[in-house]
Amino acid sequence: MPDAIGQFAKAKYFSLETFRKTGVGVRTPVWFAKDPAAGALTTFYVYTLPDSGKAKRIRNNPKVRIAPCNMRGDLRGAWVDARARICAGDEVAKGQELLNQKYGLMKRLGDFFSRLRGRTQIVLAIEID
């Protein structure tokens, strides 16, 4: 599994595949940040809108797949099975901070304009055993 995790080391995006109730997968390229202190459980953080399709699908089915990709979603590596959950409490701040560290000014500008439009964000934890 280390090679499967290592493929994300230099990636800016990964394709997050969530599953509809019918079992059909929906792929979305997203920014992500790895938690360096996760230990044996590899954890990546992603942010999204609370009413986004991926958030709704994760609430119904936590099973996801991830693979490195470019900003258009063209795959750059192998799929890895994972589980997703919506973060709460201090973990939200931790995930946002890791994303801010990785994406810097671009993330902060995006957050600023999201707040201007009255949008809130949730943080998803994507966990690989």
Protein backbone atom coordinates (compact mmCIF):
# COMPACT_ATOMS: atom_id res chain seq x y z
CA MET A 1 0.00 0.00 0.00
CA PRO A 2 2.87 2.53 0.49
CA ASP A 3 3.27 2.82 -3.33
CA ALA A 4 -0.45 3.50 -3.62
CA ILE A 5 -0.13 6.32 -1.08
CA GLY A 6 3.15 7.60 -2.52
CA GLN A 7 1.53 8.41 -5.86
CA PHE A 8 -0.27 11.34 -4.18
CA ALA A 9 2.94 12.95 -2.83
CA LYS A 10 3.43 15.49 -5.63
CA ALA A 11 -0.16 15.62 -6.93
CA LYS A 12 -2.16 18.87 -6.73
CA TYR A 13 -5.50 17.16 -7.41
CA PHE A 14 -7.11 13.82 -6.95
CA SER A 15 -10.20 12.42 -8.51
CA LEU A 16 -12.72 11.66 -5.78
CA GLU A 17 -15.21 9.03 -6.90
CA THR A 18 -18.36 8.90 -4.79
CA PHE A 19 -21.25 6.55 -5.41
CA ARG A 20 -24.94 7.19 -6.02
CA LYS A 21 -27.59 5.01 -4.40
CA THR A 22 -27.73 3.07 -7.69
CA GLY A 23 -24.01 2.27 -7.37
CA VAL A 24 -22.98 4.51 -10.26
CA GLY A 25 -19.73 6.35 -9.55
CA VAL A 26 -19.36 10.12 -9.94
CA ARG A 27 -15.81 11.49 -10.29
CA THR A 28 -14.78 14.98 -9.23
CA PRO A 29 -11.26 16.47 -9.30
CA VAL A 30 -10.56 18.14 -5.95
CA TRP A 31 -7.76 19.81 -4.02
CA PHE A 32 -6.53 17.73 -1.09
CA ALA A 33 -4.01 17.82 1.74
CA LYS A 34 -2.44 14.85 3.52
CA ASP A 35 -2.38 14.77 7.31
CA PRO A 36 1.30 14.18 8.21
CA ALA A 37 0.38 13.10 11.75
CA ALA A 38 -2.23 10.47 10.84
CA GLY A 39 -0.07 7.48 11.83
CA ALA A 40 -1.04 4.07 10.42
CA LEU A 41 -4.24 5.48 8.95
CA THR A 42 -3.53 7.74 5.95
CA THR A 43 -5.91 10.72 5.98
CA PHE A 44 -6.47 13.30 3.27
CA TYR A 45 -8.63 16.41 3.73
CA VAL A 46 -10.90 17.93 1.09
CA TYR A 47 -13.32 20.84 1.36
CA THR A 48 -16.65 21.33 -0.37
CA LEU A 49 -20.05 22.95 -0.02
CA PRO A 50 -22.43 21.26 2.46
CA ASP A 51 -25.10 20.78 -0.22
CA SER A 52 -22.75 19.55 -2.97
CA GLY A 53 -23.46 16.28 -4.70
CA LYS A 54 -20.35 14.63 -3.31
CA ALA A 55 -21.31 15.58 0.26
CA LYS A 56 -24.81 14.16 -0.21
CA ARG A 57 -23.44 10.94 -1.71
CA ILE A 58 -20.91 10.54 1.13
CA ARG A 59 -23.68 10.96 3.70
CA ASN A 60 -25.46 8.01 2.04
CA ASN A 61 -22.38 5.88 1.33
CA PRO A 62 -18.92 6.52 2.85
CA LYS A 63 -17.18 4.20 0.34
CA VAL A 64 -15.07 6.24 -2.13
CA ARG A 65 -12.14 5.79 -4.49
CA ILE A 66 -9.32 8.25 -5.13
CA ALA A 67 -6.64 8.56 -7.81
CA PRO A 68 -4.19 11.35 -8.67
CA CYS A 69 -5.37 13.49 -11.58
CA ASN A 70 -4.97 16.87 -13.23
CA MET A 71 -7.40 19.77 -12.84
CA ARG A 72 -9.59 18.37 -15.63
CA GLY A 73 -9.87 14.99 -13.93
CA ASP A 74 -7.56 13.08 -16.30
CA LEU A 75 -6.12 10.26 -14.19
CA ARG A 76 -2.40 10.24 -13.40
CA GLY A 77 -2.28 7.13 -11.22
CA ALA A 78 -4.12 4.09 -9.88
CA TRP A 79 -7.41 4.04 -7.99
CA VAL A 80 -7.26 3.45 -4.23
CA ASP A 81 -10.29 2.39 -2.16
CA ALA A 82 -11.03 4.62 0.83
CA ARG A 83 -13.74 5.78 3.22
CA ALA A 84 -14.95 9.34 3.59
CA ARG A 85 -16.59 11.16 6.46
CA ILE A 86 -17.64 14.69 7.26
CA CYS A 87 -15.35 16.29 9.85
CA ALA A 88 -16.53 18.06 12.98
CA GLY A 89 -14.98 20.19 15.71
CA ASP A 90 -11.22 20.80 15.77
CA GLU A 91 -10.66 18.48 12.82
CA VAL A 92 -12.37 21.03 10.51
CA ALA A 93 -9.81 23.69 11.45
CA LYS A 94 -6.97 21.19 11.09
CA GLY A 95 -8.12 20.18 7.60
CA GLN A 96 -8.56 23.80 6.48
CA GLU A 97 -5.11 24.71 7.83
CA LEU A 98 -3.44 21.83 5.95
CA LEU A 99 -5.25 22.87 2.76
CA ASN A 100 -4.22 26.51 3.28
CA GLN A 101 -0.59 25.45 3.77
CA LYS A 102 -0.61 23.42 0.56
CA TYR A 103 -2.53 25.80 -1.74
CA GLY A 104 -1.63 29.14 -0.15
CA LEU A 105 -2.95 32.31 -1.75
CA MET A 106 -5.18 30.53 -4.28
CA LYS A 107 -7.13 28.78 -1.51
CA ARG A 108 -7.38 31.91 0.61
CA LEU A 109 -8.70 33.94 -2.34
CA GLY A 110 -11.26 31.24 -3.12
CA ASP A 111 -12.36 31.20 0.52
CA PHE A 112 -12.67 35.00 0.56
CA PHE A 113 -14.95 35.07 -2.48
CA SER A 114 -16.98 32.13 -1.14
CA ARG A 115 -17.61 34.04 2.09
CA LEU A 116 -18.62 37.14 0.09
CA ARG A 117 -21.24 35.01 -1.67
CA GLY A 118 -22.47 33.66 1.68
CA ARG A 119 -21.24 30.12 1.10
CA THR A 120 -20.07 27.87 3.90
CA GLN A 121 -17.70 24.94 3.62
CA ILE A 122 -17.44 21.50 5.13
CA VAL A 123 -14.28 19.43 5.38
CA LEU A 124 -14.20 15.79 4.37
CA ALA A 125 -11.68 13.29 5.73
CA ILE A 126 -10.72 10.61 3.22
CA GLU A 127 -9.14 7.66 5.05
CA ILE A 128 -7.07 4.80 3.64
CA ASP A 129 -6.14 1.89 5.92
